[in-house]
PDB file of N, CA and C in Angstrom:
ATOM      1  N   UNK A   1     107.467 181.395 212.792  1.00  0.00           N
ATOM      2  CA  UNK A   1     106.657 181.484 213.979  1.00  0.00           C
ATOM      3  C   UNK A   1     105.610 182.557 213.768  1.00  0.00           C
ATOM      4  N   UNK A   2     104.416 182.283 214.201  1.00  0.00           N
ATOM      5  CA  UNK A   2     103.347 183.265 214.153  1.00  0.00           C
ATOM      6  C   UNK A   2     103.103 183.798 215.563  1.00  0.00           C
ATOM      7  N   UNK A   3     102.864 185.082 215.654  1.00  0.00           N
ATOM      8  CA  UNK A   3     102.523 185.720 216.920  1.00  0.00           C
ATOM      9  C   UNK A   3     101.120 186.277 216.773  1.00  0.00           C
ATOM     10  N   UNK A   4     100.207 185.779 217.587  1.00  0.00           N
ATOM     11  CA  UNK A   4      98.825 186.246 217.562  1.00  0.00           C
ATOM     12  C   UNK A   4      98.635 187.329 218.615  1.00  0.00           C
ATOM     13  N   UNK A   5      97.995 188.411 218.219  1.00  0.00           N
ATOM     14  CA  UNK A   5      97.679 189.506 219.129  1.00  0.00           C
ATOM     15  C   UNK A   5      96.172 189.687 219.152  1.00  0.00           C
ATOM     16  N   UNK A   6      95.621 189.858 220.332  1.00  0.00           N
ATOM     17  CA  UNK A   6      94.180 190.014 220.415  1.00  0.00           C
ATOM     18  C   UNK A   6      93.761 190.632 221.722  1.00  0.00           C
ATOM     19  N   UNK A   7      92.465 190.627 221.961  1.00  0.00           N
ATOM     20  CA  UNK A   7      91.889 191.208 223.169  1.00  0.00           C
ATOM     21  C   UNK A   7      91.415 190.100 224.080  1.00  0.00           C
ATOM     22  N   UNK A   8      91.697 190.202 225.366  1.00  0.00           N
ATOM     23  CA  UNK A   8      91.201 189.244 226.343  1.00  0.00           C
ATOM     24  C   UNK A   8      89.723 189.506 226.591  1.00  0.00           C
ATOM     25  N   UNK A   9      88.942 188.431 226.642  1.00  0.00           N
ATOM     26  CA  UNK A   9      87.517 188.539 226.929  1.00  0.00           C
ATOM     27  C   UNK A   9      87.295 187.935 228.311  1.00  0.00           C
ATOM     28  N   UNK A  10      86.734 188.695 229.217  1.00  0.00           N
ATOM     29  CA  UNK A  10      86.667 188.293 230.616  1.00  0.00           C
ATOM     30  C   UNK A  10      85.559 187.287 230.940  1.00  0.00           C
ATOM     31  N   UNK A  11      84.626 187.046 230.046  1.00  0.00           N
ATOM     32  CA  UNK A  11      83.498 186.162 230.378  1.00  0.00           C
ATOM     33  C   UNK A  11      83.754 184.700 230.006  1.00  0.00           C
ATOM     34  N   UNK A  12      85.018 184.302 229.853  1.00  0.00           N
ATOM     35  CA  UNK A  12      85.347 182.912 229.585  1.00  0.00           C
ATOM     36  C   UNK A  12      85.407 182.534 228.118  1.00  0.00           C
ATOM     37  N   UNK A  13      85.095 183.455 227.225  1.00  0.00           N
ATOM     38  CA  UNK A  13      85.172 183.173 225.800  1.00  0.00           C
ATOM     39  C   UNK A  13      86.626 183.286 225.334  1.00  0.00           C
ATOM     40  N   UNK A  14      86.887 182.725 224.165  1.00  0.00           N
ATOM     41  CA  UNK A  14      88.217 182.825 223.590  1.00  0.00           C
ATOM     42  C   UNK A  14      88.529 184.279 223.227  1.00  0.00           C
ATOM     43  N   UNK A  15      89.812 184.608 223.213  1.00  0.00           N
ATOM     44  CA  UNK A  15      90.237 185.971 222.875  1.00  0.00           C
ATOM     45  C   UNK A  15      89.883 186.287 221.424  1.00  0.00           C
ATOM     46  N   UNK A  16      89.622 187.538 221.164  1.00  0.00           N
ATOM     47  CA  UNK A  16      89.309 188.014 219.831  1.00  0.00           C
ATOM     48  C   UNK A  16      90.615 188.317 219.109  1.00  0.00           C
ATOM     49  N   UNK A  17      90.925 187.556 218.056  1.00  0.00           N
ATOM     50  CA  UNK A  17      92.164 187.726 217.308  1.00  0.00           C
ATOM     51  C   UNK A  17      92.097 189.007 216.481  1.00  0.00           C
ATOM     52  N   UNK A  18      93.070 189.882 216.700  1.00  0.00           N
ATOM     53  CA  UNK A  18      93.116 191.141 215.972  1.00  0.00           C
ATOM     54  C   UNK A  18      94.185 191.145 214.886  1.00  0.00           C
ATOM     55  N   UNK A  19      95.289 190.435 215.129  1.00  0.00           N
ATOM     56  CA  UNK A  19      96.386 190.495 214.175  1.00  0.00           C
ATOM     57  C   UNK A  19      97.262 189.255 214.330  1.00  0.00           C
ATOM     58  N   UNK A  20      97.825 188.778 213.231  1.00  0.00           N
ATOM     59  CA  UNK A  20      98.781 187.661 213.255  1.00  0.00           C
ATOM     60  C   UNK A  20     100.015 188.105 212.479  1.00  0.00           C
ATOM     61  N   UNK A  21     101.158 188.068 213.152  1.00  0.00           N
ATOM     62  CA  UNK A  21     102.418 188.476 212.537  1.00  0.00           C
ATOM     63  C   UNK A  21     103.323 187.262 212.367  1.00  0.00           C
ATOM     64  N   UNK A  22     104.111 187.254 211.291  1.00  0.00           N
ATOM     65  CA  UNK A  22     105.097 186.213 211.052  1.00  0.00           C
ATOM     66  C   UNK A  22     106.463 186.734 211.456  1.00  0.00           C
ATOM     67  N   UNK A  23     107.208 185.930 212.213  1.00  0.00           N
ATOM     68  CA  UNK A  23     108.571 186.291 212.598  1.00  0.00           C
ATOM     69  C   UNK A  23     109.539 185.320 211.948  1.00  0.00           C
ATOM     70  N   UNK A  24     110.644 185.836 211.419  1.00  0.00           N
ATOM     71  CA  UNK A  24     111.696 184.967 210.903  1.00  0.00           C
ATOM     72  C   UNK A  24     112.326 184.203 212.060  1.00  0.00           C
ATOM     73  N   UNK A  25     112.995 183.128 211.754  1.00  0.00           N
ATOM     74  CA  UNK A  25     113.523 182.229 212.788  1.00  0.00           C
ATOM     75  C   UNK A  25     114.388 182.955 213.819  1.00  0.00           C
ATOM     76  N   UNK A  26     115.310 183.797 213.374  1.00  0.00           N
ATOM     77  CA  UNK A  26     116.193 184.500 214.315  1.00  0.00           C
ATOM     78  C   UNK A  26     115.402 185.374 215.280  1.00  0.00           C
ATOM     79  N   UNK A  27     114.430 186.113 214.758  1.00  0.00           N
ATOM     80  CA  UNK A  27     113.603 186.974 215.604  1.00  0.00           C
ATOM     81  C   UNK A  27     112.750 186.141 216.547  1.00  0.00           C
ATOM     82  N   UNK A  28     112.257 184.998 216.067  1.00  0.00           N
ATOM     83  CA  UNK A  28     111.429 184.122 216.895  1.00  0.00           C
ATOM     84  C   UNK A  28     112.242 183.542 218.050  1.00  0.00           C
ATOM     85  N   UNK A  29     113.466 183.129 217.768  1.00  0.00           N
ATOM     86  CA  UNK A  29     114.326 182.590 218.830  1.00  0.00           C
ATOM     87  C   UNK A  29     114.649 183.668 219.858  1.00  0.00           C
ATOM     88  N   UNK A  30     114.907 184.862 219.400  1.00  0.00           N
ATOM     89  CA  UNK A  30     115.195 185.972 220.318  1.00  0.00           C
ATOM     90  C   UNK A  30     113.982 186.273 221.195  1.00  0.00           C
ATOM     91  N   UNK A  31     112.799 186.298 220.589  1.00  0.00           N
ATOM     92  CA  UNK A  31     111.563 186.545 221.343  1.00  0.00           C
ATOM     93  C   UNK A  31     111.335 185.449 222.379  1.00  0.00           C
ATOM     94  N   UNK A  32     111.567 184.163 221.982  1.00  0.00           N
ATOM     95  CA  UNK A  32     111.366 183.040 222.889  1.00  0.00           C
ATOM     96  C   UNK A  32     112.313 183.121 224.082  1.00  0.00           C
ATOM     97  N   UNK A  33     113.574 183.432 223.835  1.00  0.00           N
ATOM     98  CA  UNK A  33     114.551 183.558 224.923  1.00  0.00           C
ATOM     99  C   UNK A  33     114.163 184.680 225.881  1.00  0.00           C
ATOM    100  N   UNK A  34     113.619 185.758 225.348  1.00  0.00           N
ATOM    101  CA  UNK A  34     113.171 186.869 226.199  1.00  0.00           C
ATOM    102  C   UNK A  34     111.985 186.440 227.073  1.00  0.00           C
ATOM    103  N   UNK A  35     111.044 185.690 226.490  1.00  0.00           N
ATOM    104  CA  UNK A  35     109.902 185.202 227.272  1.00  0.00           C
ATOM    105  C   UNK A  35     110.350 184.249 228.372  1.00  0.00           C
ATOM    106  N   UNK A  36     111.307 183.374 228.076  1.00  0.00           N
ATOM    107  CA  UNK A  36     111.835 182.474 229.096  1.00  0.00           C
ATOM    108  C   UNK A  36     112.510 183.255 230.215  1.00  0.00           C
ATOM    109  N   UNK A  37     113.236 184.308 229.849  1.00  0.00           N
ATOM    110  CA  UNK A  37     113.906 185.142 230.846  1.00  0.00           C
ATOM    111  C   UNK A  37     112.894 185.816 231.752  1.00  0.00           C
ATOM    112  N   UNK A  38     111.716 186.141 231.213  1.00  0.00           N
ATOM    113  CA  UNK A  38     110.668 186.799 231.985  1.00  0.00           C
ATOM    114  C   UNK A  38     109.836 185.828 232.821  1.00  0.00           C
ATOM    115  N   UNK A  39     110.165 184.536 232.758  1.00  0.00           N
ATOM    116  CA  UNK A  39     109.467 183.580 233.607  1.00  0.00           C
ATOM    117  C   UNK A  39     108.526 182.636 232.909  1.00  0.00           C
ATOM    118  N   UNK A  40     108.356 182.736 231.602  1.00  0.00           N
ATOM    119  CA  UNK A  40     107.504 181.790 230.895  1.00  0.00           C
ATOM    120  C   UNK A  40     108.152 180.420 230.946  1.00  0.00           C
ATOM    121  N   UNK A  41     107.359 179.380 230.871  1.00  0.00           N
ATOM    122  CA  UNK A  41     107.902 178.011 230.872  1.00  0.00           C
ATOM    123  C   UNK A  41     107.242 177.193 229.759  1.00  0.00           C
ATOM    124  N   UNK A  42     107.868 176.074 229.452  1.00  0.00           N
ATOM    125  CA  UNK A  42     107.338 175.214 228.394  1.00  0.00           C
ATOM    126  C   UNK A  42     106.461 174.133 228.953  1.00  0.00           C
TER     127      UNK A  42
END
Protein backbone atom coordinates (compact mmCIF):
# COMPACT_ATOMS: atom_id res chain seq x y z
CA UNK A 1 0.00 0.00 0.00
CA UNK A 2 1.21 3.48 -0.79
CA UNK A 3 0.37 6.44 1.42
CA UNK A 4 0.54 9.82 -0.30
CA UNK A 5 1.18 12.92 1.80
CA UNK A 6 0.78 16.40 0.45
CA UNK A 7 -0.58 19.90 0.86
CA UNK A 8 -4.21 20.84 0.28
CA UNK A 9 -4.68 23.59 -2.28
CA UNK A 10 -7.76 25.69 -1.60
CA UNK A 11 -8.40 27.02 -5.13
CA UNK A 12 -9.75 23.72 -6.49
CA UNK A 13 -6.46 22.38 -7.84
CA UNK A 14 -5.16 18.93 -7.01
CA UNK A 15 -3.05 18.57 -3.86
CA UNK A 16 0.69 18.97 -4.19
CA UNK A 17 2.30 15.56 -3.55
CA UNK A 18 5.19 15.89 -1.12
CA UNK A 19 5.96 12.30 -0.19
CA UNK A 20 4.88 8.71 -0.97
CA UNK A 21 5.53 5.99 1.59
CA UNK A 22 5.21 2.22 1.16
CA UNK A 23 3.59 0.22 3.97
CA UNK A 24 3.91 -3.54 4.38
CA UNK A 25 0.64 -5.45 4.36
CA UNK A 26 0.34 -5.79 8.15
CA UNK A 27 0.93 -2.07 8.71
CA UNK A 28 -1.47 -1.20 5.88
CA UNK A 29 -4.24 -3.35 7.37
CA UNK A 30 -3.69 -1.79 10.79
CA UNK A 31 -3.82 1.72 9.30
CA UNK A 32 -7.01 0.86 7.36
CA UNK A 33 -8.75 -0.50 10.47
CA UNK A 34 -7.82 2.68 12.35
CA UNK A 35 -9.27 4.86 9.56
CA UNK A 36 -12.50 2.84 9.59
CA UNK A 37 -12.69 3.25 13.37
CA UNK A 38 -12.36 7.02 12.91
CA UNK A 39 -15.35 7.10 10.56
CA UNK A 40 -13.89 6.62 7.09
CA UNK A 41 -16.00 4.51 4.75
CA UNK A 42 -15.45 2.57 1.55
